[in-house]
Amino acid sequence: MPLYKFACDCGYKQEVTWPMSRSSELLRCERGCDGRMYRVYNFHNKGMSYKRPIHSDSLAIAPSQRNEHEQRFPNIKLDNQCRPI
């Protein structure tokens, strides 16, 4: 069963393990304010560094389209393989 993290506006935080079939159910704060708990989503950047440019292979264009791209989109730079940076 997945572990879900919830928080309340009063500052109370709770981790709950329950089935995915119940993931849309509402929780009430157990601290006593009876407020609605909302889901806290976490994002972990495991060792990835964005100090270098991110290249998009899916948005790459053909080398024959480079001149047209530079005219239409002067603010979007391309690397030497015609991938947006």
N, C-alpha and C. Protein backbone atom coordinates (compact mmCIF):
# COMPACT_ATOMS: atom_id res chain seq x y z
N MET A 1 0.84 -1.19 0.00
CA MET A 1 0.00 0.00 0.00
C MET A 1 0.88 1.24 0.00
N PRO A 2 0.50 2.26 -0.74
CA PRO A 2 1.29 3.48 -0.81
C PRO A 2 1.18 4.31 0.46
N LEU A 3 2.20 5.10 0.68
CA LEU A 3 2.24 6.02 1.81
C LEU A 3 1.86 7.40 1.29
N TYR A 4 0.83 8.00 1.87
CA TYR A 4 0.37 9.33 1.48
C TYR A 4 0.70 10.31 2.60
N LYS A 5 1.07 11.52 2.22
CA LYS A 5 1.34 12.58 3.19
C LYS A 5 0.24 13.63 3.07
N PHE A 6 -0.29 14.02 4.22
CA PHE A 6 -1.36 15.01 4.27
C PHE A 6 -0.96 16.13 5.22
N ALA A 7 -1.53 17.31 5.01
CA ALA A 7 -1.30 18.45 5.89
C ALA A 7 -2.60 19.21 6.07
N CYS A 8 -2.70 19.91 7.18
CA CYS A 8 -3.87 20.73 7.48
C CYS A 8 -3.43 22.19 7.55
N ASP A 9 -4.36 23.11 7.37
CA ASP A 9 -4.03 24.53 7.46
C ASP A 9 -3.54 24.93 8.84
N CYS A 10 -3.88 24.14 9.87
CA CYS A 10 -3.43 24.45 11.22
C CYS A 10 -1.96 24.07 11.44
N GLY A 11 -1.35 23.38 10.46
CA GLY A 11 0.05 23.00 10.56
C GLY A 11 0.30 21.54 10.86
N TYR A 12 -0.74 20.81 11.19
CA TYR A 12 -0.60 19.38 11.50
C TYR A 12 -0.31 18.60 10.22
N LYS A 13 0.65 17.67 10.31
CA LYS A 13 1.01 16.82 9.17
C LYS A 13 0.87 15.37 9.58
N GLN A 14 0.47 14.54 8.62
CA GLN A 14 0.22 13.13 8.91
C GLN A 14 0.60 12.28 7.71
N GLU A 15 1.19 11.12 7.98
CA GLU A 15 1.47 10.14 6.93
C GLU A 15 0.51 8.97 7.12
N VAL A 16 -0.13 8.57 6.03
CA VAL A 16 -1.14 7.52 6.10
C VAL A 16 -0.83 6.47 5.04
N THR A 17 -0.86 5.21 5.44
CA THR A 17 -0.72 4.10 4.50
C THR A 17 -2.10 3.50 4.30
N TRP A 18 -2.57 3.53 3.07
CA TRP A 18 -3.85 2.93 2.76
C TRP A 18 -3.95 2.59 1.29
N PRO A 19 -4.94 1.80 0.90
CA PRO A 19 -5.04 1.36 -0.48
C PRO A 19 -5.28 2.51 -1.45
N MET A 20 -4.83 2.34 -2.68
CA MET A 20 -5.03 3.37 -3.70
C MET A 20 -6.52 3.59 -3.97
N SER A 21 -7.33 2.58 -3.75
CA SER A 21 -8.77 2.72 -3.97
C SER A 21 -9.40 3.74 -3.03
N ARG A 22 -8.72 4.08 -1.93
CA ARG A 22 -9.25 5.06 -0.98
C ARG A 22 -8.51 6.39 -1.07
N SER A 23 -7.65 6.56 -2.06
CA SER A 23 -6.80 7.75 -2.13
C SER A 23 -7.59 9.04 -2.32
N SER A 24 -8.80 8.97 -2.85
CA SER A 24 -9.58 10.19 -3.06
C SER A 24 -10.46 10.55 -1.87
N GLU A 25 -10.47 9.72 -0.83
CA GLU A 25 -11.28 10.03 0.34
C GLU A 25 -10.71 11.22 1.09
N LEU A 26 -11.59 11.99 1.70
CA LEU A 26 -11.17 13.16 2.47
C LEU A 26 -10.81 12.76 3.89
N LEU A 27 -9.80 13.40 4.42
CA LEU A 27 -9.41 13.18 5.82
C LEU A 27 -9.70 14.44 6.61
N ARG A 28 -10.05 14.27 7.85
CA ARG A 28 -10.24 15.40 8.76
C ARG A 28 -9.06 15.44 9.72
N CYS A 29 -8.68 16.64 10.11
CA CYS A 29 -7.54 16.84 11.00
C CYS A 29 -7.80 16.16 12.34
N GLU A 30 -6.81 15.42 12.80
CA GLU A 30 -6.93 14.72 14.08
C GLU A 30 -6.50 15.58 15.26
N ARG A 31 -5.96 16.76 14.99
CA ARG A 31 -5.47 17.62 16.06
C ARG A 31 -6.62 18.26 16.83
N GLY A 32 -7.78 18.33 16.23
CA GLY A 32 -8.91 18.90 16.95
C GLY A 32 -9.55 20.08 16.22
N CYS A 33 -8.90 20.60 15.20
CA CYS A 33 -9.50 21.73 14.49
C CYS A 33 -10.57 21.25 13.51
N ASP A 34 -10.60 19.95 13.24
CA ASP A 34 -11.57 19.32 12.34
C ASP A 34 -11.51 19.88 10.92
N GLY A 35 -10.36 20.46 10.56
CA GLY A 35 -10.17 20.97 9.21
C GLY A 35 -9.92 19.85 8.22
N ARG A 36 -10.06 20.16 6.96
CA ARG A 36 -9.84 19.17 5.91
C ARG A 36 -8.34 19.05 5.63
N MET A 37 -7.84 17.84 5.61
CA MET A 37 -6.44 17.59 5.28
C MET A 37 -6.30 17.57 3.77
N TYR A 38 -5.22 18.12 3.25
CA TYR A 38 -4.98 18.09 1.81
C TYR A 38 -3.70 17.32 1.54
N ARG A 39 -3.63 16.73 0.37
CA ARG A 39 -2.51 15.87 0.00
C ARG A 39 -1.26 16.71 -0.26
N VAL A 40 -0.14 16.27 0.26
CA VAL A 40 1.15 16.92 0.05
C VAL A 40 1.92 16.06 -0.96
N TYR A 41 2.29 16.66 -2.07
CA TYR A 41 3.04 15.94 -3.10
C TYR A 41 4.52 16.27 -2.96
N ASN A 42 5.34 15.26 -3.00
CA ASN A 42 6.79 15.44 -2.87
C ASN A 42 7.47 15.23 -4.20
N PHE A 43 8.54 15.96 -4.38
CA PHE A 43 9.38 15.79 -5.56
C PHE A 43 10.81 15.70 -5.08
N HIS A 44 11.50 14.65 -5.45
CA HIS A 44 12.89 14.48 -5.07
C HIS A 44 13.75 14.51 -6.32
N ASN A 45 14.69 15.41 -6.34
CA ASN A 45 15.62 15.52 -7.45
C ASN A 45 16.85 14.71 -7.08
N LYS A 46 16.90 13.49 -7.48
CA LYS A 46 17.96 12.58 -7.03
C LYS A 46 19.24 12.77 -7.83
N GLY A 47 20.04 13.71 -7.39
CA GLY A 47 21.36 13.89 -7.97
C GLY A 47 21.40 14.57 -9.32
N MET A 48 20.27 15.00 -9.84
CA MET A 48 20.29 15.67 -11.13
C MET A 48 20.66 17.13 -10.93
N SER A 49 21.53 17.61 -11.74
CA SER A 49 21.96 19.00 -11.64
C SER A 49 21.47 19.75 -12.88
N TYR A 50 20.85 20.88 -12.65
CA TYR A 50 20.37 21.68 -13.77
C TYR A 50 21.31 22.86 -14.03
N LYS A 51 22.55 22.72 -13.63
CA LYS A 51 23.53 23.76 -13.92
C LYS A 51 23.89 23.75 -15.40
N ARG A 52 23.76 22.59 -16.00
CA ARG A 52 23.99 22.47 -17.44
C ARG A 52 22.66 22.63 -18.16
N PRO A 53 22.67 23.04 -19.41
CA PRO A 53 21.41 23.18 -20.15
C PRO A 53 20.70 21.84 -20.31
N ILE A 54 19.39 21.88 -20.32
CA ILE A 54 18.58 20.70 -20.56
C ILE A 54 18.24 20.66 -22.04
N HIS A 55 18.58 19.58 -22.70
CA HIS A 55 18.31 19.44 -24.13
C HIS A 55 17.06 18.59 -24.32
N SER A 56 16.25 18.96 -25.29
CA SER A 56 15.03 18.22 -25.57
C SER A 56 15.14 17.52 -26.92
N ASP A 57 15.33 16.20 -26.88
CA ASP A 57 15.36 15.42 -28.12
C ASP A 57 14.00 15.40 -28.79
N SER A 58 12.94 15.41 -28.00
CA SER A 58 11.60 15.33 -28.59
C SER A 58 11.21 16.60 -29.33
N LEU A 59 11.85 17.71 -29.03
CA LEU A 59 11.54 18.97 -29.72
C LEU A 59 12.58 19.33 -30.77
N ALA A 60 13.50 18.44 -31.04
CA ALA A 60 14.56 18.73 -32.02
C ALA A 60 13.96 18.92 -33.41
N ILE A 61 14.67 19.69 -34.22
CA ILE A 61 14.22 19.93 -35.59
C ILE A 61 15.29 19.42 -36.55
N ALA A 62 14.92 19.31 -37.80
CA ALA A 62 15.88 18.88 -38.83
C ALA A 62 16.86 20.01 -39.09
N PRO A 63 18.13 19.70 -39.37
CA PRO A 63 19.11 20.75 -39.66
C PRO A 63 18.67 21.68 -40.79
N SER A 64 17.90 21.18 -41.72
CA SER A 64 17.42 22.03 -42.82
C SER A 64 16.42 23.09 -42.35
N GLN A 65 15.85 22.92 -41.15
CA GLN A 65 14.88 23.87 -40.62
C GLN A 65 15.51 24.90 -39.69
N ARG A 66 16.80 24.81 -39.46
CA ARG A 66 17.46 25.68 -38.49
C ARG A 66 17.30 27.16 -38.82
N ASN A 67 17.53 27.57 -40.07
CA ASN A 67 17.43 28.98 -40.44
C ASN A 67 16.02 29.52 -40.20
N GLU A 68 15.02 28.76 -40.60
CA GLU A 68 13.64 29.19 -40.38
C GLU A 68 13.33 29.31 -38.89
N HIS A 69 13.81 28.36 -38.10
CA HIS A 69 13.60 28.41 -36.65
C HIS A 69 14.22 29.67 -36.06
N GLU A 70 15.45 29.98 -36.44
CA GLU A 70 16.13 31.15 -35.88
C GLU A 70 15.44 32.45 -36.27
N GLN A 71 14.78 32.49 -37.42
CA GLN A 71 14.03 33.68 -37.81
C GLN A 71 12.73 33.80 -37.02
N ARG A 72 12.02 32.71 -36.86
CA ARG A 72 10.73 32.74 -36.18
C ARG A 72 10.84 32.80 -34.66
N PHE A 73 11.85 32.15 -34.11
CA PHE A 73 12.00 32.05 -32.66
C PHE A 73 13.41 32.46 -32.25
N PRO A 74 13.75 33.74 -32.34
CA PRO A 74 15.13 34.16 -32.04
C PRO A 74 15.54 33.96 -30.58
N ASN A 75 14.58 33.85 -29.67
CA ASN A 75 14.91 33.70 -28.25
C ASN A 75 15.11 32.24 -27.83
N ILE A 76 14.81 31.30 -28.72
CA ILE A 76 14.99 29.88 -28.40
C ILE A 76 16.25 29.40 -29.10
N LYS A 77 17.28 29.19 -28.31
CA LYS A 77 18.57 28.78 -28.85
C LYS A 77 18.60 27.28 -29.12
N LEU A 78 19.38 26.89 -30.10
CA LEU A 78 19.55 25.48 -30.46
C LEU A 78 21.00 25.08 -30.25
N ASP A 79 21.21 23.81 -29.87
CA ASP A 79 22.58 23.32 -29.78
C ASP A 79 23.03 22.85 -31.16
N ASN A 80 24.21 22.24 -31.24
CA ASN A 80 24.75 21.84 -32.55
C ASN A 80 23.99 20.67 -33.19
N GLN A 81 23.09 20.02 -32.43
CA GLN A 81 22.26 18.94 -32.98
C GLN A 81 20.82 19.39 -33.21
N CYS A 82 20.61 20.71 -33.24
CA CYS A 82 19.29 21.32 -33.48
C CYS A 82 18.26 20.97 -32.41
N ARG A 83 18.72 20.84 -31.17
CA ARG A 83 17.81 20.61 -30.05
C ARG A 83 17.67 21.91 -29.27
N PRO A 84 16.44 22.28 -28.86
CA PRO A 84 16.27 23.49 -28.05
C PRO A 84 16.99 23.35 -26.72
N ILE A 85 17.56 24.46 -26.29
CA ILE A 85 18.24 24.49 -25.00
C ILE A 85 17.35 25.22 -24.01
